[in-house]
Amino acid sequence: MNLYGWIVVFHVASASAFVMTMIIMQLVVANVMKRIPDCPGKKDGIYFIQHRWHPIVDTIIVVVGITGLGLTILNFQIIVGLPLLMLKITIGVIALTSAYCNHFYFRRKKRKLIISGEHPEKLKKIKKIMSVLDKVALIGGALAVFMGWHINHV
């Protein structure tokens, strides 16, 4: 398989993994964690998510972005002529930007505020922003994946 084919494979696999992890984390894990009372098991779960799962998701987000950028550059002439593909890319960029902001900026900012115990109003605002960005990433990512499938298979 040529380099272009490998880029496509990695993009499809990582984009699918991105959407699945967003669905699982936002619609299942987050809701379950809210309902579990404080206990050692909950702390173990939080530790697992923060130290084992987040690095995997971070890697997925980076791979989706790099492969998406590569495909955009390699297919620029085709993309310019297809409004639906341009819309798919725009939605994908919005979803990835939301995920990048949450995973690489707001998560660290939130952690620092929690550790310091200062500025509870700022922490509340960041949590609200992160919640909105999570929904944007979830919905935008799913739309981009389905649009990509539609463009290539219908």
Protein backbone atom coordinates (compact mmCIF):
# COMPACT_ATOMS: atom_id res chain seq x y z
CA MET A 1 0.00 0.00 0.00
CA ASN A 2 1.29 3.47 -0.81
CA LEU A 3 1.79 6.32 1.66
CA TYR A 4 -1.53 7.95 0.73
CA GLY A 5 -3.36 4.70 1.44
CA TRP A 6 -1.74 4.45 4.88
CA ILE A 7 -2.71 8.03 5.68
CA VAL A 8 -6.32 7.21 4.77
CA VAL A 9 -6.28 4.05 6.90
CA PHE A 10 -4.87 5.88 9.92
CA HIS A 11 -7.29 8.77 9.46
CA VAL A 12 -10.37 6.55 9.23
CA ALA A 13 -9.25 4.39 12.17
CA SER A 14 -8.32 7.34 14.40
CA ALA A 15 -11.44 9.34 13.47
CA SER A 16 -13.61 6.34 14.30
CA ALA A 17 -11.74 5.84 17.58
CA PHE A 18 -12.13 9.57 18.34
CA VAL A 19 -15.90 9.43 17.95
CA MET A 20 -16.22 6.18 19.90
CA THR A 21 -14.13 7.48 22.80
CA MET A 22 -16.14 10.70 22.87
CA ILE A 23 -19.40 8.72 22.99
CA ILE A 24 -18.14 6.33 25.67
CA MET A 25 -16.53 8.99 27.85
CA GLN A 26 -19.28 11.61 27.62
CA LEU A 27 -22.42 9.52 27.51
CA VAL A 28 -21.39 6.56 29.67
CA VAL A 29 -18.33 7.08 31.88
CA ALA A 30 -19.05 10.70 32.86
CA ASN A 31 -22.62 9.84 33.87
CA VAL A 32 -21.54 6.77 35.83
CA MET A 33 -18.76 8.66 37.63
CA LYS A 34 -21.24 11.38 38.71
CA ARG A 35 -23.41 8.74 40.39
CA ILE A 36 -20.64 6.94 42.27
CA PRO A 37 -20.18 8.29 45.80
CA ASP A 38 -16.69 9.24 46.95
CA CYS A 39 -14.82 6.05 47.79
CA PRO A 40 -11.45 4.43 47.08
CA GLY A 41 -12.89 2.70 43.99
CA LYS A 42 -13.98 6.01 42.51
CA LYS A 43 -10.54 7.48 43.14
CA ASP A 44 -8.98 4.46 41.37
CA GLY A 45 -11.32 5.03 38.43
CA ILE A 46 -10.41 8.69 38.22
CA TYR A 47 -6.71 7.81 38.41
CA PHE A 48 -7.13 5.29 35.58
CA ILE A 49 -8.95 7.80 33.39
CA GLN A 50 -6.42 10.57 34.01
CA HIS A 51 -3.22 8.55 33.77
CA ARG A 52 -4.06 5.69 31.43
CA TRP A 53 -7.00 6.72 29.26
CA HIS A 54 -6.29 10.43 28.62
CA PRO A 55 -2.88 9.76 27.01
CA ILE A 56 -4.54 7.30 24.61
CA VAL A 57 -7.25 9.81 23.72
CA ASP A 58 -4.64 12.57 23.35
CA THR A 59 -2.76 10.37 20.87
CA ILE A 60 -5.94 9.65 18.92
CA ILE A 61 -6.72 13.38 18.69
CA VAL A 62 -3.22 14.18 17.43
CA VAL A 63 -3.31 11.37 14.83
CA VAL A 64 -6.73 12.50 13.54
CA GLY A 65 -5.42 16.06 13.19
CA ILE A 66 -2.16 15.13 11.47
CA THR A 67 -3.75 12.68 9.05
CA GLY A 68 -6.63 15.06 8.35
CA LEU A 69 -4.19 17.84 7.56
CA GLY A 70 -2.20 15.51 5.32
CA LEU A 71 -5.31 14.43 3.42
CA THR A 72 -6.42 18.03 3.06
CA ILE A 73 -3.08 19.05 1.59
CA LEU A 74 -2.91 16.05 -0.74
CA ASN A 75 -6.51 16.47 -1.95
CA PHE A 76 -6.77 20.24 -1.99
CA GLN A 77 -7.78 20.48 -5.66
CA ILE A 78 -10.60 17.96 -5.15
CA ILE A 79 -11.78 19.58 -1.91
CA VAL A 80 -12.13 23.04 -3.49
CA GLY A 81 -14.62 21.65 -6.01
CA LEU A 82 -16.84 19.79 -3.52
CA PRO A 83 -18.86 21.95 -1.11
CA LEU A 84 -19.97 18.91 0.91
CA LEU A 85 -16.34 17.90 1.47
CA MET A 86 -15.48 21.47 2.47
CA LEU A 87 -18.35 21.39 4.99
CA LYS A 88 -17.15 18.02 6.35
CA ILE A 89 -13.64 19.39 6.83
CA THR A 90 -14.96 22.55 8.50
CA ILE A 91 -17.06 20.51 10.93
CA GLY A 92 -14.09 18.21 11.58
CA VAL A 93 -11.80 21.17 12.26
CA ILE A 94 -14.32 22.64 14.71
CA ALA A 95 -14.64 19.27 16.50
CA LEU A 96 -10.87 18.78 16.67
CA THR A 97 -10.24 22.34 17.81
CA SER A 98 -12.73 21.81 20.63
CA ALA A 99 -10.99 18.56 21.60
CA TYR A 100 -7.52 20.16 21.39
CA CYS A 101 -8.64 23.04 23.63
CA ASN A 102 -10.06 20.68 26.22
CA HIS A 103 -7.30 18.08 26.18
CA PHE A 104 -4.26 20.30 25.83
CA TYR A 105 -5.25 23.57 27.47
CA PHE A 106 -8.32 23.57 29.71
CA ARG A 107 -7.58 20.19 31.33
CA ARG A 108 -4.26 21.48 32.65
CA LYS A 109 -5.75 24.82 33.66
CA LYS A 110 -8.56 23.03 35.52
CA ARG A 111 -6.11 20.70 37.29
CA LYS A 112 -3.99 23.65 38.45
CA LEU A 113 -7.05 25.44 39.83
CA ILE A 114 -8.23 22.30 41.64
CA ILE A 115 -4.78 21.75 43.19
CA SER A 116 -4.43 25.39 44.25
CA GLY A 117 -7.97 25.60 45.64
CA GLU A 118 -8.07 29.22 44.51
CA HIS A 119 -10.53 30.97 42.21
CA PRO A 120 -13.58 28.68 42.51
CA GLU A 121 -15.55 30.96 40.18
CA LYS A 122 -12.86 30.59 37.49
CA LEU A 123 -12.89 26.80 37.95
CA LYS A 124 -16.67 26.81 37.53
CA LYS A 125 -16.37 28.80 34.27
CA ILE A 126 -13.69 26.47 32.92
CA LYS A 127 -15.81 23.42 33.73
CA LYS A 128 -18.75 24.99 31.86
CA ILE A 129 -16.55 25.84 28.85
CA MET A 130 -15.14 22.31 28.84
CA SER A 131 -18.64 20.84 28.95
CA VAL A 132 -19.69 22.88 25.91
CA LEU A 133 -16.49 22.01 24.03
CA ASP A 134 -17.03 18.31 24.84
CA LYS A 135 -20.47 18.45 23.22
CA VAL A 136 -19.11 20.31 20.19
CA ALA A 137 -16.37 17.69 19.78
CA LEU A 138 -18.84 14.81 20.19
CA ILE A 139 -21.45 16.10 17.78
CA GLY A 140 -18.98 17.60 15.29
CA GLY A 141 -16.78 14.50 15.30
CA ALA A 142 -19.74 12.19 14.71
CA LEU A 143 -21.06 14.43 11.91
CA ALA A 144 -17.64 14.57 10.24
CA VAL A 145 -17.25 10.78 10.38
CA PHE A 146 -20.72 10.18 8.95
CA MET A 147 -20.19 12.81 6.26
CA GLY A 148 -16.87 11.21 5.35
CA TRP A 149 -18.57 7.83 5.07
CA HIS A 150 -21.36 9.34 2.98
CA ILE A 151 -18.99 11.18 0.63
CA ASN A 152 -16.90 8.05 0.01
CA HIS A 153 -19.62 5.42 -0.13
CA VAL A 154 -22.87 6.95 -1.36
